[in-house]
């Protein structure tokens, strides 16, 4: 994908150089040619083509966070280990009065 992007930028750069060196062309026209034919559309295409990779990275990050939360919850369980043992909580929860 990056090879096509580099090739497109090269073509647009050559178009801009031709615009700037032409007798009827201007440097401002060359800059707009490069921006509007090159960088603008290329940025849009690269962003759209990178969407599946970003989604995959987001899912991987979310699943890693979920696994870390599960591991942390399993390691710091507040349930008693057996009968007659106190919980690991430092303060007993307060009862709500109805």
N, C-alpha and C. Protein backbone atom coordinates (compact mmCIF):
# COMPACT_ATOMS: atom_id res chain seq x y z
N UNK A 1 0.82 -1.18 0.00
CA UNK A 1 0.00 0.00 0.00
C UNK A 1 0.88 1.26 0.00
N UNK A 2 1.97 1.22 0.73
CA UNK A 2 2.82 2.40 0.80
C UNK A 2 3.55 2.66 -0.51
N UNK A 3 3.80 1.61 -1.28
CA UNK A 3 4.47 1.80 -2.56
C UNK A 3 3.57 2.60 -3.51
N UNK A 4 2.30 2.31 -3.51
CA UNK A 4 1.35 3.05 -4.35
C UNK A 4 1.28 4.50 -3.89
N UNK A 5 1.29 4.73 -2.59
CA UNK A 5 1.23 6.09 -2.06
C UNK A 5 2.47 6.89 -2.46
N UNK A 6 3.63 6.27 -2.37
CA UNK A 6 4.86 6.95 -2.75
C UNK A 6 4.86 7.25 -4.25
N UNK A 7 4.40 6.29 -5.04
CA UNK A 7 4.35 6.51 -6.49
C UNK A 7 3.38 7.64 -6.83
N UNK A 8 2.24 7.68 -6.17
CA UNK A 8 1.27 8.74 -6.44
C UNK A 8 1.85 10.10 -6.06
N UNK A 9 2.55 10.19 -4.94
CA UNK A 9 3.17 11.45 -4.56
C UNK A 9 4.24 11.87 -5.57
N UNK A 10 4.95 10.92 -6.11
CA UNK A 10 5.96 11.24 -7.13
C UNK A 10 5.29 11.81 -8.38
N UNK A 11 4.21 11.19 -8.82
CA UNK A 11 3.51 11.67 -10.01
C UNK A 11 2.97 13.08 -9.77
N UNK A 12 2.38 13.30 -8.61
CA UNK A 12 1.82 14.61 -8.32
C UNK A 12 2.93 15.65 -8.17
N UNK A 13 4.05 15.26 -7.60
CA UNK A 13 5.19 16.18 -7.51
C UNK A 13 5.67 16.59 -8.89
N UNK A 14 5.73 15.63 -9.81
CA UNK A 14 6.14 15.96 -11.19
C UNK A 14 5.11 16.87 -11.85
N UNK A 15 3.82 16.66 -11.56
CA UNK A 15 2.79 17.56 -12.09
C UNK A 15 2.99 18.97 -11.55
N UNK A 16 3.32 19.08 -10.27
CA UNK A 16 3.52 20.38 -9.66
C UNK A 16 4.76 21.07 -10.22
N UNK A 17 5.82 20.31 -10.46
CA UNK A 17 7.03 20.88 -11.06
C UNK A 17 6.74 21.37 -12.47
N UNK A 18 5.97 20.59 -13.22
CA UNK A 18 5.59 21.02 -14.57
C UNK A 18 4.74 22.28 -14.53
N UNK A 19 3.88 22.37 -13.54
CA UNK A 19 3.05 23.57 -13.40
C UNK A 19 3.91 24.79 -13.06
N UNK A 20 4.87 24.60 -12.18
CA UNK A 20 5.70 25.73 -11.75
C UNK A 20 6.65 26.19 -12.85
N UNK A 21 7.17 25.28 -13.67
CA UNK A 21 8.16 25.65 -14.68
C UNK A 21 7.53 26.01 -16.02
N UNK A 22 6.25 25.82 -16.19
CA UNK A 22 5.57 26.18 -17.42
C UNK A 22 5.53 27.71 -17.54
N UNK A 23 5.53 28.22 -18.79
CA UNK A 23 5.52 29.67 -18.99
C UNK A 23 4.22 30.30 -18.49
N UNK A 24 3.12 29.55 -18.57
CA UNK A 24 1.83 30.08 -18.09
C UNK A 24 1.53 29.64 -16.66
N UNK A 25 2.37 28.82 -16.07
CA UNK A 25 2.12 28.30 -14.73
C UNK A 25 2.69 29.21 -13.64
N UNK A 26 2.24 28.97 -12.42
CA UNK A 26 2.72 29.74 -11.27
C UNK A 26 3.13 28.78 -10.16
N UNK A 27 3.91 29.30 -9.23
CA UNK A 27 4.31 28.49 -8.08
C UNK A 27 3.10 28.24 -7.18
N UNK A 28 2.23 29.22 -7.06
CA UNK A 28 1.02 29.03 -6.26
C UNK A 28 0.15 27.93 -6.86
N UNK A 29 0.04 27.91 -8.18
CA UNK A 29 -0.70 26.84 -8.84
C UNK A 29 -0.06 25.48 -8.60
N UNK A 30 1.28 25.45 -8.57
CA UNK A 30 1.98 24.19 -8.30
C UNK A 30 1.71 23.71 -6.88
N UNK A 31 1.67 24.65 -5.93
CA UNK A 31 1.40 24.27 -4.54
C UNK A 31 -0.01 23.71 -4.41
N UNK A 32 -0.97 24.38 -5.03
CA UNK A 32 -2.34 23.88 -4.97
C UNK A 32 -2.50 22.56 -5.70
N UNK A 33 -1.77 22.40 -6.80
CA UNK A 33 -1.80 21.11 -7.50
C UNK A 33 -1.30 20.00 -6.59
N UNK A 34 -0.20 20.25 -5.90
CA UNK A 34 0.35 19.23 -5.02
C UNK A 34 -0.58 18.93 -3.85
N UNK A 35 -1.18 19.97 -3.28
CA UNK A 35 -2.06 19.75 -2.13
C UNK A 35 -3.38 19.10 -2.53
N UNK A 36 -4.01 19.60 -3.59
CA UNK A 36 -5.35 19.13 -3.94
C UNK A 36 -5.36 17.83 -4.75
N UNK A 37 -4.30 17.57 -5.50
CA UNK A 37 -4.23 16.31 -6.26
C UNK A 37 -3.41 15.25 -5.53
N UNK A 38 -2.56 15.68 -4.61
CA UNK A 38 -1.65 14.74 -3.97
C UNK A 38 -1.95 14.45 -2.52
N UNK A 39 -1.66 15.41 -1.66
CA UNK A 39 -1.76 15.16 -0.23
C UNK A 39 -3.18 14.95 0.26
N UNK A 40 -4.12 15.74 -0.22
CA UNK A 40 -5.51 15.60 0.23
C UNK A 40 -6.11 14.24 -0.06
N UNK A 41 -6.18 13.85 -1.33
CA UNK A 41 -6.75 12.53 -1.63
C UNK A 41 -5.94 11.37 -1.07
N UNK A 42 -4.63 11.52 -1.05
CA UNK A 42 -3.80 10.44 -0.53
C UNK A 42 -4.02 10.25 0.96
N UNK A 43 -4.14 11.33 1.71
CA UNK A 43 -4.41 11.22 3.14
C UNK A 43 -5.75 10.53 3.39
N UNK A 44 -6.75 10.86 2.60
CA UNK A 44 -8.05 10.23 2.74
C UNK A 44 -7.98 8.73 2.43
N UNK A 45 -7.31 8.37 1.36
CA UNK A 45 -7.21 6.96 0.96
C UNK A 45 -6.41 6.16 2.00
N UNK A 46 -5.31 6.71 2.48
CA UNK A 46 -4.51 5.99 3.48
C UNK A 46 -5.31 5.83 4.77
N UNK A 47 -6.08 6.84 5.16
CA UNK A 47 -6.91 6.73 6.36
C UNK A 47 -7.97 5.64 6.20
N UNK A 48 -8.63 5.62 5.05
CA UNK A 48 -9.67 4.61 4.81
C UNK A 48 -9.06 3.21 4.74
N UNK A 49 -7.92 3.08 4.09
CA UNK A 49 -7.29 1.76 3.98
C UNK A 49 -6.74 1.27 5.32
N UNK A 50 -6.46 2.17 6.25
CA UNK A 50 -5.94 1.77 7.55
C UNK A 50 -7.01 1.45 8.57
N UNK A 51 -8.29 1.60 8.22
CA UNK A 51 -9.38 1.37 9.16
C UNK A 51 -9.40 -0.07 9.69
N UNK A 52 -9.27 -1.11 8.86
CA UNK A 52 -9.28 -2.47 9.42
C UNK A 52 -8.14 -2.71 10.41
N UNK A 53 -6.99 -2.17 10.15
CA UNK A 53 -5.87 -2.33 11.08
C UNK A 53 -6.13 -1.65 12.40
N UNK A 54 -6.74 -0.46 12.36
CA UNK A 54 -7.06 0.25 13.60
C UNK A 54 -8.12 -0.51 14.40
N UNK A 55 -9.11 -1.08 13.70
CA UNK A 55 -10.14 -1.86 14.39
C UNK A 55 -9.56 -3.10 15.05
N UNK A 56 -8.65 -3.77 14.34
CA UNK A 56 -8.02 -4.96 14.90
C UNK A 56 -7.17 -4.62 16.12
N UNK A 57 -6.45 -3.52 16.06
CA UNK A 57 -5.63 -3.09 17.20
C UNK A 57 -6.51 -2.71 18.39
N UNK A 58 -7.65 -2.07 18.13
CA UNK A 58 -8.56 -1.70 19.20
C UNK A 58 -9.15 -2.93 19.87
N UNK A 59 -9.55 -3.93 19.07
CA UNK A 59 -10.09 -5.16 19.64
C UNK A 59 -9.03 -5.89 20.46
N UNK A 60 -7.80 -5.93 19.97
CA UNK A 60 -6.73 -6.59 20.71
C UNK A 60 -6.45 -5.88 22.03
N UNK A 61 -6.47 -4.55 21.99
CA UNK A 61 -6.23 -3.78 23.22
C UNK A 61 -7.37 -4.00 24.21
N UNK A 62 -8.63 -4.03 23.72
CA UNK A 62 -9.76 -4.25 24.60
C UNK A 62 -9.73 -5.65 25.21
N UNK A 63 -9.39 -6.65 24.42
CA UNK A 63 -9.33 -8.01 24.95
C UNK A 63 -8.18 -8.15 25.96
N UNK A 64 -7.06 -7.47 25.72
CA UNK A 64 -5.96 -7.51 26.69
C UNK A 64 -6.37 -6.84 27.99
N UNK A 65 -7.10 -5.72 27.90
CA UNK A 65 -7.58 -5.05 29.11
C UNK A 65 -8.58 -5.93 29.86
N UNK A 66 -9.45 -6.61 29.14
CA UNK A 66 -10.42 -7.50 29.77
C UNK A 66 -9.73 -8.65 30.48
N UNK A 67 -8.73 -9.23 29.84
CA UNK A 67 -7.98 -10.33 30.46
C UNK A 67 -7.24 -9.83 31.71
N UNK A 68 -6.69 -8.61 31.63
CA UNK A 68 -5.99 -8.06 32.79
C UNK A 68 -6.96 -7.82 33.94
N UNK A 69 -8.16 -7.34 33.62
CA UNK A 69 -9.16 -7.12 34.67
C UNK A 69 -9.60 -8.44 35.29
N UNK A 70 -9.77 -9.47 34.46
CA UNK A 70 -10.15 -10.78 34.99
C UNK A 70 -9.05 -11.34 35.89
N UNK A 71 -7.80 -11.17 35.48
CA UNK A 71 -6.69 -11.67 36.29
C UNK A 71 -6.59 -10.90 37.60
N UNK A 72 -6.82 -9.59 37.56
CA UNK A 72 -6.77 -8.78 38.78
C UNK A 72 -7.92 -9.14 39.71
N UNK A 73 -9.09 -9.41 39.13
CA UNK A 73 -10.23 -9.78 39.96
C UNK A 73 -10.02 -11.14 40.60
N UNK A 74 -9.41 -12.05 39.90
CA UNK A 74 -9.15 -13.38 40.45
C UNK A 74 -8.07 -13.31 41.54
N UNK A 75 -7.11 -12.42 41.38
CA UNK A 75 -6.02 -12.33 42.35
C UNK A 75 -6.47 -11.64 43.63
N UNK A 76 -7.39 -10.70 43.55
CA UNK A 76 -7.81 -9.96 44.74
C UNK A 76 -9.26 -10.27 45.10
N UNK A 77 -9.54 -11.52 45.24
CA UNK A 77 -10.89 -11.93 45.58
C UNK A 77 -11.19 -11.59 47.04
N UNK A 78 -12.39 -11.12 47.30
CA UNK A 78 -12.78 -10.78 48.67
C UNK A 78 -13.64 -11.87 49.29
N UNK A 79 -13.81 -12.96 48.59
CA UNK A 79 -14.59 -14.07 49.12
C UNK A 79 -13.76 -14.82 50.16
N UNK A 80 -14.42 -15.35 51.18
CA UNK A 80 -13.68 -16.14 52.17
C UNK A 80 -13.14 -17.41 51.54
N UNK A 81 -11.97 -17.82 52.01
CA UNK A 81 -11.35 -19.02 51.47
C UNK A 81 -12.02 -20.28 51.98
N UNK A 82 -12.57 -20.23 53.14
CA UNK A 82 -13.25 -21.40 53.72
C UNK A 82 -14.23 -20.95 54.77
N UNK A 83 -14.82 -21.91 55.45
CA UNK A 83 -15.81 -21.54 56.46
C UNK A 83 -15.12 -20.95 57.68
N UNK A 84 -15.71 -19.89 58.20
CA UNK A 84 -15.19 -19.28 59.41
C UNK A 84 -14.11 -18.25 59.19
N UNK A 85 -13.71 -18.01 57.98
CA UNK A 85 -12.66 -17.02 57.73
C UNK A 85 -13.27 -15.67 57.39
N UNK A 86 -12.59 -14.63 57.78
CA UNK A 86 -13.06 -13.28 57.48
C UNK A 86 -12.70 -12.92 56.04
N UNK A 87 -13.41 -11.95 55.49
CA UNK A 87 -13.11 -11.50 54.14
C UNK A 87 -11.85 -10.65 54.14
N UNK A 88 -11.32 -10.40 52.98
CA UNK A 88 -10.10 -9.61 52.85
C UNK A 88 -10.38 -8.11 52.86
N UNK A 89 -11.65 -7.71 52.93
CA UNK A 89 -11.99 -6.30 52.96
C UNK A 89 -11.62 -5.70 54.30
N UNK A 90 -11.02 -4.50 54.33
CA UNK A 90 -10.60 -3.92 55.60
C UNK A 90 -11.78 -3.40 56.44
N UNK A 91 -12.85 -2.98 55.79
CA UNK A 91 -14.00 -2.43 56.50
C UNK A 91 -15.23 -3.15 56.00
N UNK A 92 -16.08 -3.55 56.93
CA UNK A 92 -17.31 -4.23 56.55
C UNK A 92 -18.25 -3.26 55.86
N UNK A 93 -18.97 -3.70 54.84
CA UNK A 93 -19.90 -2.80 54.16
C UNK A 93 -21.03 -2.38 55.09
N UNK A 94 -21.52 -1.15 54.89
CA UNK A 94 -22.61 -0.62 55.73
C UNK A 94 -23.94 -1.11 55.20
N UNK A 95 -24.85 -1.39 56.14
CA UNK A 95 -26.19 -1.78 55.75
C UNK A 95 -27.01 -0.54 55.47
N UNK A 96 -27.83 -0.61 54.48
CA UNK A 96 -28.72 0.49 54.18
C UNK A 96 -30.03 0.27 54.94
N UNK A 97 -30.50 1.32 55.54
CA UNK A 97 -31.76 1.21 56.27
C UNK A 97 -32.91 1.55 55.35
N UNK A 98 -33.95 0.78 55.45
CA UNK A 98 -35.09 0.99 54.57
C UNK A 98 -36.03 2.02 55.10
